[in-house]
Amino acid sequence: MAAPPQLRGLLLAVNALLRKRRYHTALAVIKGFRNGAVYGAKIRAPHALVMTFLFRSGSLREKLRAILKATYTHSSNLACFVFTYKGLCALQSHLQGETHPVHSFLAGFLGGLLVFRENNNINSQINMYLLSRVLFALCRLGVEKGYIPEPKWDPFPLFTALVWGLVLWLFEYHRPTLQPSLQSSMTYLYEDSNVWHDISDFLIYNKSRPSE
């Protein structure tokens, strides 16, 4: 079925507007908002689904509400950050007439302060995800620029051993310092595996099902 002439005309006008280089910067900010929302939902929804049904108690409605809330928070925060970051970068370039590397840092700094400043589980997970990758990248950049001597052997095995040793030490003796979702995962792996009563909660279930 063909689209009505009015709709075809509207689509042609919109497409013509989108192709105009004059509005490219503003439209890029808007599309950044769109991509942030979509990417945030794609990342958070599966993660929230798995973690909620594995570790969260409550009714099905409560679990679904928690999944939707986590997905919305991640999606909206990321959308707002991309919008803010791209907008601030464009503003700085417009005011100075050219682009400088410091623009990215300042825009990211202000965007992070405005969007991710609330200390909640979603923002904590996002920031910790980024922190690990930033530290890796800074180490590589330091080697690339000559600030850090290039190692003569692969340091990754030592790094791995240090990370796992520290996280298990923290879990066993300073558990409240770890993020709740990590505590839940490690409890399942290292504590729940110490308890069983029969074949049902040894192989089939993690814990015995309540008596009916």
C-alpha atoms as a PDB file:
ATOM      1  CA  MET A   1       0.000   0.000   0.000  1.00  0.00           C
ATOM      2  CA  ALA A   2       1.470   3.330  -1.103  1.00  0.00           C
ATOM      3  CA  ALA A   3       1.987   6.070   1.457  1.00  0.00           C
ATOM      4  CA  PRO A   4      -0.320   9.116   1.242  1.00  0.00           C
ATOM      5  CA  PRO A   5       1.077  12.058  -0.763  1.00  0.00           C
ATOM      6  CA  GLN A   6       1.251  14.228   2.393  1.00  0.00           C
ATOM      7  CA  LEU A   7       3.399  11.644   4.186  1.00  0.00           C
ATOM      8  CA  ARG A   8       5.685  11.216   1.169  1.00  0.00           C
ATOM      9  CA  GLY A   9       6.097  14.984   0.974  1.00  0.00           C
ATOM     10  CA  LEU A  10       6.923  15.174   4.675  1.00  0.00           C
ATOM     11  CA  LEU A  11       9.528  12.398   4.383  1.00  0.00           C
ATOM     12  CA  LEU A  12      11.156  14.123   1.403  1.00  0.00           C
ATOM     13  CA  ALA A  13      11.337  17.391   3.330  1.00  0.00           C
ATOM     14  CA  VAL A  14      12.825  15.690   6.409  1.00  0.00           C
ATOM     15  CA  ASN A  15      15.400  13.823   4.322  1.00  0.00           C
ATOM     16  CA  ALA A  16      16.360  17.041   2.544  1.00  0.00           C
ATOM     17  CA  LEU A  17      16.848  18.740   5.932  1.00  0.00           C
ATOM     18  CA  LEU A  18      18.992  15.872   7.213  1.00  0.00           C
ATOM     19  CA  ARG A  19      21.306  16.171   4.193  1.00  0.00           C
ATOM     20  CA  LYS A  20      22.019  19.877   4.735  1.00  0.00           C
ATOM     21  CA  ARG A  21      25.568  20.328   6.061  1.00  0.00           C
ATOM     22  CA  ARG A  22      24.465  23.555   7.705  1.00  0.00           C
ATOM     23  CA  TYR A  23      22.579  21.622  10.396  1.00  0.00           C
ATOM     24  CA  HIS A  24      25.009  18.701  10.697  1.00  0.00           C
ATOM     25  CA  THR A  25      26.397  19.639  14.135  1.00  0.00           C
ATOM     26  CA  ALA A  26      22.986  20.097  15.744  1.00  0.00           C
ATOM     27  CA  LEU A  27      21.612  16.943  14.135  1.00  0.00           C
ATOM     28  CA  ALA A  28      24.678  14.974  15.284  1.00  0.00           C
ATOM     29  CA  VAL A  29      23.903  15.992  18.877  1.00  0.00           C
ATOM     30  CA  ILE A  30      20.317  14.773  18.476  1.00  0.00           C
ATOM     31  CA  LYS A  31      21.391  11.485  16.925  1.00  0.00           C
ATOM     32  CA  GLY A  32      23.913  11.089  19.736  1.00  0.00           C
ATOM     33  CA  PHE A  33      21.013  11.274  22.196  1.00  0.00           C
ATOM     34  CA  ARG A  34      19.189   8.611  20.173  1.00  0.00           C
ATOM     35  CA  ASN A  35      22.205   6.298  20.001  1.00  0.00           C
ATOM     36  CA  GLY A  36      22.896   6.725  23.716  1.00  0.00           C
ATOM     37  CA  ALA A  37      19.344   5.717  24.586  1.00  0.00           C
ATOM     38  CA  VAL A  38      19.375   2.673  22.303  1.00  0.00           C
ATOM     39  CA  TYR A  39      22.828   1.489  23.354  1.00  0.00           C
ATOM     40  CA  GLY A  40      22.037   1.921  27.046  1.00  0.00           C
ATOM     41  CA  ALA A  41      18.890  -0.162  26.695  1.00  0.00           C
ATOM     42  CA  LYS A  42      20.684  -2.882  24.721  1.00  0.00           C
ATOM     43  CA  ILE A  43      23.455  -3.125  27.324  1.00  0.00           C
ATOM     44  CA  ARG A  44      21.370  -2.891  30.492  1.00  0.00           C
ATOM     45  CA  ALA A  45      18.250  -4.916  29.655  1.00  0.00           C
ATOM     46  CA  PRO A  46      19.976  -8.321  29.236  1.00  0.00           C
ATOM     47  CA  HIS A  47      22.260  -7.699  32.220  1.00  0.00           C
ATOM     48  CA  ALA A  48      19.369  -6.626  34.458  1.00  0.00           C
ATOM     49  CA  LEU A  49      17.271  -9.581  33.285  1.00  0.00           C
ATOM     50  CA  VAL A  50      19.942 -12.139  34.165  1.00  0.00           C
ATOM     51  CA  MET A  51      21.035 -10.574  37.463  1.00  0.00           C
ATOM     52  CA  THR A  52      17.468  -9.979  38.645  1.00  0.00           C
ATOM     53  CA  PHE A  53      16.238 -13.509  38.008  1.00  0.00           C
ATOM     54  CA  LEU A  54      19.439 -15.062  39.369  1.00  0.00           C
ATOM     55  CA  PHE A  55      19.833 -13.108  42.581  1.00  0.00           C
ATOM     56  CA  ARG A  56      16.787 -10.925  43.332  1.00  0.00           C
ATOM     57  CA  SER A  57      13.868 -12.148  45.406  1.00  0.00           C
ATOM     58  CA  GLY A  58      10.282 -10.961  45.043  1.00  0.00           C
ATOM     59  CA  SER A  59       7.301 -11.429  42.789  1.00  0.00           C
ATOM     60  CA  LEU A  60       7.470 -11.524  39.005  1.00  0.00           C
ATOM     61  CA  ARG A  61       5.961  -8.048  38.830  1.00  0.00           C
ATOM     62  CA  GLU A  62       8.597  -6.670  41.213  1.00  0.00           C
ATOM     63  CA  LYS A  63      11.377  -8.277  39.188  1.00  0.00           C
ATOM     64  CA  LEU A  64      10.042  -6.895  35.902  1.00  0.00           C
ATOM     65  CA  ARG A  65       9.688  -3.457  37.459  1.00  0.00           C
ATOM     66  CA  ALA A  66      13.308  -3.596  38.651  1.00  0.00           C
ATOM     67  CA  ILE A  67      14.491  -4.605  35.170  1.00  0.00           C
ATOM     68  CA  LEU A  68      12.570  -1.772  33.514  1.00  0.00           C
ATOM     69  CA  LYS A  69      13.801   0.766  36.060  1.00  0.00           C
ATOM     70  CA  ALA A  70      17.442  -0.259  35.637  1.00  0.00           C
ATOM     71  CA  THR A  71      17.125  -0.233  31.839  1.00  0.00           C
ATOM     72  CA  TYR A  72      15.468   3.188  31.828  1.00  0.00           C
ATOM     73  CA  THR A  73      18.082   4.676  34.171  1.00  0.00           C
ATOM     74  CA  HIS A  74      21.023   3.372  32.134  1.00  0.00           C
ATOM     75  CA  SER A  75      19.447   4.324  28.816  1.00  0.00           C
ATOM     76  CA  SER A  76      18.375   7.841  29.842  1.00  0.00           C
ATOM     77  CA  ASN A  77      21.666   8.624  31.580  1.00  0.00           C
ATOM     78  CA  LEU A  78      23.736   7.541  28.594  1.00  0.00           C
ATOM     79  CA  ALA A  79      21.478   9.447  26.189  1.00  0.00           C
ATOM     80  CA  CYS A  80      21.747  12.624  28.261  1.00  0.00           C
ATOM     81  CA  PHE A  81      25.509  12.256  28.582  1.00  0.00           C
ATOM     82  CA  VAL A  82      26.096  11.815  24.838  1.00  0.00           C
ATOM     83  CA  PHE A  83      23.809  14.784  24.145  1.00  0.00           C
ATOM     84  CA  THR A  84      25.661  16.926  26.704  1.00  0.00           C
ATOM     85  CA  TYR A  85      29.133  15.836  25.606  1.00  0.00           C
ATOM     86  CA  LYS A  86      28.572  16.420  21.894  1.00  0.00           C
ATOM     87  CA  GLY A  87      26.809  19.694  22.567  1.00  0.00           C
ATOM     88  CA  LEU A  88      29.644  21.014  24.754  1.00  0.00           C
ATOM     89  CA  CYS A  89      32.286  19.907  22.228  1.00  0.00           C
ATOM     90  CA  ALA A  90      30.404  21.705  19.453  1.00  0.00           C
ATOM     91  CA  LEU A  91      30.002  24.817  21.595  1.00  0.00           C
ATOM     92  CA  GLN A  92      33.725  24.989  22.438  1.00  0.00           C
ATOM     93  CA  SER A  93      34.713  24.497  18.800  1.00  0.00           C
ATOM     94  CA  HIS A  94      32.288  27.221  17.733  1.00  0.00           C
ATOM     95  CA  LEU A  95      33.553  29.699  20.329  1.00  0.00           C
ATOM     96  CA  GLN A  96      37.254  29.095  19.601  1.00  0.00           C
ATOM     97  CA  GLY A  97      36.933  28.520  15.875  1.00  0.00           C
ATOM     98  CA  GLU A  98      38.781  25.196  16.002  1.00  0.00           C
ATOM     99  CA  THR A  99      38.919  21.915  17.902  1.00  0.00           C
ATOM    100  CA  HIS A 100      41.446  21.189  20.658  1.00  0.00           C
ATOM    101  CA  PRO A 101      42.098  17.922  22.562  1.00  0.00           C
ATOM    102  CA  VAL A 102      41.205  19.609  25.852  1.00  0.00           C
ATOM    103  CA  HIS A 103      37.651  20.127  24.555  1.00  0.00           C
ATOM    104  CA  SER A 104      36.964  16.401  24.874  1.00  0.00           C
ATOM    105  CA  PHE A 105      38.209  16.297  28.457  1.00  0.00           C
ATOM    106  CA  LEU A 106      36.254  19.369  29.540  1.00  0.00           C
ATOM    107  CA  ALA A 107      33.049  18.209  27.841  1.00  0.00           C
ATOM    108  CA  GLY A 108      33.382  14.723  29.336  1.00  0.00           C
ATOM    109  CA  PHE A 109      34.221  16.160  32.763  1.00  0.00           C
ATOM    110  CA  LEU A 110      31.190  18.460  32.827  1.00  0.00           C
ATOM    111  CA  GLY A 111      28.917  15.836  31.287  1.00  0.00           C
ATOM    112  CA  GLY A 112      29.962  13.262  33.865  1.00  0.00           C
ATOM    113  CA  LEU A 113      29.456  15.755  36.684  1.00  0.00           C
ATOM    114  CA  LEU A 114      25.983  16.664  35.450  1.00  0.00           C
ATOM    115  CA  VAL A 115      24.684  13.238  34.409  1.00  0.00           C
ATOM    116  CA  PHE A 116      26.486  10.573  36.454  1.00  0.00           C
ATOM    117  CA  ARG A 117      26.968  12.410  39.746  1.00  0.00           C
ATOM    118  CA  GLU A 118      24.329  10.420  41.684  1.00  0.00           C
ATOM    119  CA  ASN A 119      25.887   7.547  43.627  1.00  0.00           C
ATOM    120  CA  ASN A 120      23.597   4.656  42.654  1.00  0.00           C
ATOM    121  CA  ASN A 121      24.171   1.090  41.461  1.00  0.00           C
ATOM    122  CA  ILE A 122      23.812   1.881  37.761  1.00  0.00           C
ATOM    123  CA  ASN A 123      26.209   4.820  37.777  1.00  0.00           C
ATOM    124  CA  SER A 124      28.685   2.916  39.951  1.00  0.00           C
ATOM    125  CA  GLN A 125      28.746   0.004  37.502  1.00  0.00           C
ATOM    126  CA  ILE A 126      29.204   2.290  34.509  1.00  0.00           C
ATOM    127  CA  ASN A 127      32.007   4.244  36.183  1.00  0.00           C
ATOM    128  CA  MET A 128      33.836   1.107  37.358  1.00  0.00           C
ATOM    129  CA  TYR A 129      33.550  -0.369  33.859  1.00  0.00           C
ATOM    130  CA  LEU A 130      35.117   2.781  32.452  1.00  0.00           C
ATOM    131  CA  LEU A 131      37.760   3.072  35.178  1.00  0.00           C
ATOM    132  CA  SER A 132      39.321  -0.309  34.409  1.00  0.00           C
ATOM    133  CA  ARG A 133      39.529   0.530  30.705  1.00  0.00           C
ATOM    134  CA  VAL A 134      40.873   4.026  31.355  1.00  0.00           C
ATOM    135  CA  LEU A 135      43.674   2.634  33.529  1.00  0.00           C
ATOM    136  CA  PHE A 136      44.590   0.094  30.843  1.00  0.00           C
ATOM    137  CA  ALA A 137      44.555   2.797  28.172  1.00  0.00           C
ATOM    138  CA  LEU A 138      46.663   5.202  30.250  1.00  0.00           C
ATOM    139  CA  CYS A 139      49.274   2.507  30.843  1.00  0.00           C
ATOM    140  CA  ARG A 140      49.431   1.775  27.116  1.00  0.00           C
ATOM    141  CA  LEU A 141      49.612   5.493  26.334  1.00  0.00           C
ATOM    142  CA  GLY A 142      52.417   5.898  28.865  1.00  0.00           C
ATOM    143  CA  VAL A 143      54.408   3.147  27.145  1.00  0.00           C
ATOM    144  CA  GLU A 144      53.629   4.596  23.709  1.00  0.00           C
ATOM    145  CA  LYS A 145      54.812   8.075  24.736  1.00  0.00           C
ATOM    146  CA  GLY A 146      57.881   6.749  26.536  1.00  0.00           C
ATOM    147  CA  TYR A 147      56.790   7.789  30.035  1.00  0.00           C
ATOM    148  CA  ILE A 148      56.692   4.142  31.149  1.00  0.00           C
ATOM    149  CA  PRO A 149      59.467   1.729  30.124  1.00  0.00           C
ATOM    150  CA  GLU A 150      58.158  -0.993  27.845  1.00  0.00           C
ATOM    151  CA  PRO A 151      58.158  -4.244  29.844  1.00  0.00           C
ATOM    152  CA  LYS A 152      60.507  -6.967  28.664  1.00  0.00           C
ATOM    153  CA  TRP A 153      57.939  -9.622  29.637  1.00  0.00           C
ATOM    154  CA  ASP A 154      54.177  -9.850  29.537  1.00  0.00           C
ATOM    155  CA  PRO A 155      52.839  -8.303  32.791  1.00  0.00           C
ATOM    156  CA  PHE A 156      49.309  -9.614  32.273  1.00  0.00           C
ATOM    157  CA  PRO A 157      49.697 -12.848  34.337  1.00  0.00           C
ATOM    158  CA  LEU A 158      50.960 -10.825  37.324  1.00  0.00           C
ATOM    159  CA  PHE A 159      48.171  -8.301  36.882  1.00  0.00           C
ATOM    160  CA  THR A 160      45.601 -11.111  36.780  1.00  0.00           C
ATOM    161  CA  ALA A 161      46.974 -12.757  39.906  1.00  0.00           C
ATOM    162  CA  LEU A 162      46.951  -9.448  41.777  1.00  0.00           C
ATOM    163  CA  VAL A 163      43.371  -8.622  40.791  1.00  0.00           C
ATOM    164  CA  TRP A 164      41.994 -12.037  41.795  1.00  0.00           C
ATOM    165  CA  GLY A 165      43.991 -12.150  44.997  1.00  0.00           C
ATOM    166  CA  LEU A 166      42.740  -8.723  46.051  1.00  0.00           C
ATOM    167  CA  VAL A 167      39.098  -9.313  45.176  1.00  0.00           C
ATOM    168  CA  LEU A 168      38.946 -12.600  47.096  1.00  0.00           C
ATOM    169  CA  TRP A 169      40.689 -11.032  50.086  1.00  0.00           C
ATOM    170  CA  LEU A 170      38.184  -8.171  50.045  1.00  0.00           C
ATOM    171  CA  PHE A 171      35.283 -10.597  49.681  1.00  0.00           C
ATOM    172  CA  GLU A 172      36.386 -12.762  52.601  1.00  0.00           C
ATOM    173  CA  TYR A 173      37.418 -10.028  55.032  1.00  0.00           C
ATOM    174  CA  HIS A 174      36.059  -6.656  53.864  1.00  0.00           C
ATOM    175  CA  ARG A 175      32.928  -7.620  51.966  1.00  0.00           C
ATOM    176  CA  PRO A 176      30.915  -4.394  52.451  1.00  0.00           C
ATOM    177  CA  THR A 177      33.530  -2.514  50.418  1.00  0.00           C
ATOM    178  CA  LEU A 178      32.551  -4.444  47.277  1.00  0.00           C
ATOM    179  CA  GLN A 179      29.622  -3.488  45.088  1.00  0.00           C
ATOM    180  CA  PRO A 180      26.388  -5.365  45.971  1.00  0.00           C
ATOM    181  CA  SER A 181      26.096  -7.114  42.596  1.00  0.00           C
ATOM    182  CA  LEU A 182      29.677  -8.387  42.908  1.00  0.00           C
ATOM    183  CA  GLN A 183      28.965  -9.550  46.448  1.00  0.00           C
ATOM    184  CA  SER A 184      25.932 -11.489  45.190  1.00  0.00           C
ATOM    185  CA  SER A 185      27.900 -13.126  42.393  1.00  0.00           C
ATOM    186  CA  MET A 186      30.757 -14.130  44.677  1.00  0.00           C
ATOM    187  CA  THR A 187      28.427 -15.388  47.392  1.00  0.00           C
ATOM    188  CA  TYR A 188      26.815 -17.663  44.813  1.00  0.00           C
ATOM    189  CA  LEU A 189      30.203 -18.938  43.632  1.00  0.00           C
ATOM    190  CA  TYR A 190      32.188 -19.282  46.847  1.00  0.00           C
ATOM    191  CA  GLU A 191      29.710 -19.605  49.719  1.00  0.00           C
ATOM    192  CA  ASP A 192      26.591 -21.236  48.354  1.00  0.00           C
ATOM    193  CA  SER A 193      28.795 -23.995  46.927  1.00  0.00           C
ATOM    194  CA  ASN A 194      29.674 -25.007  50.512  1.00  0.00           C
ATOM    195  CA  VAL A 195      26.088 -25.964  51.405  1.00  0.00           C
ATOM    196  CA  TRP A 196      23.886 -28.859  50.236  1.00  0.00           C
ATOM    197  CA  HIS A 197      21.538 -31.440  51.702  1.00  0.00           C
ATOM    198  CA  ASP A 198      20.937 -33.970  48.971  1.00  0.00           C
ATOM    199  CA  ILE A 199      21.306 -34.474  45.229  1.00  0.00           C
ATOM    200  CA  SER A 200      18.633 -31.864  44.479  1.00  0.00           C
ATOM    201  CA  ASP A 201      20.535 -28.907  45.909  1.00  0.00           C
ATOM    202  CA  PHE A 202      23.918 -30.382  45.020  1.00  0.00           C
ATOM    203  CA  LEU A 203      23.383 -30.574  41.260  1.00  0.00           C
ATOM    204  CA  ILE A 204      19.939 -29.244  40.304  1.00  0.00           C
ATOM    205  CA  TYR A 205      19.231 -26.284  42.595  1.00  0.00           C
ATOM    206  CA  ASN A 206      21.564 -23.914  44.344  1.00  0.00           C
ATOM    207  CA  LYS A 207      19.457 -24.096  47.505  1.00  0.00           C
ATOM    208  CA  SER A 208      16.799 -26.511  48.698  1.00  0.00           C
ATOM    209  CA  ARG A 209      13.307 -25.664  47.542  1.00  0.00           C
ATOM    210  CA  PRO A 210      10.957 -24.801  50.408  1.00  0.00           C
ATOM    211  CA  SER A 211       8.744 -27.635  51.604  1.00  0.00           C
ATOM    212  CA  GLU A 212       5.242 -27.493  50.235  1.00  0.00           C
END
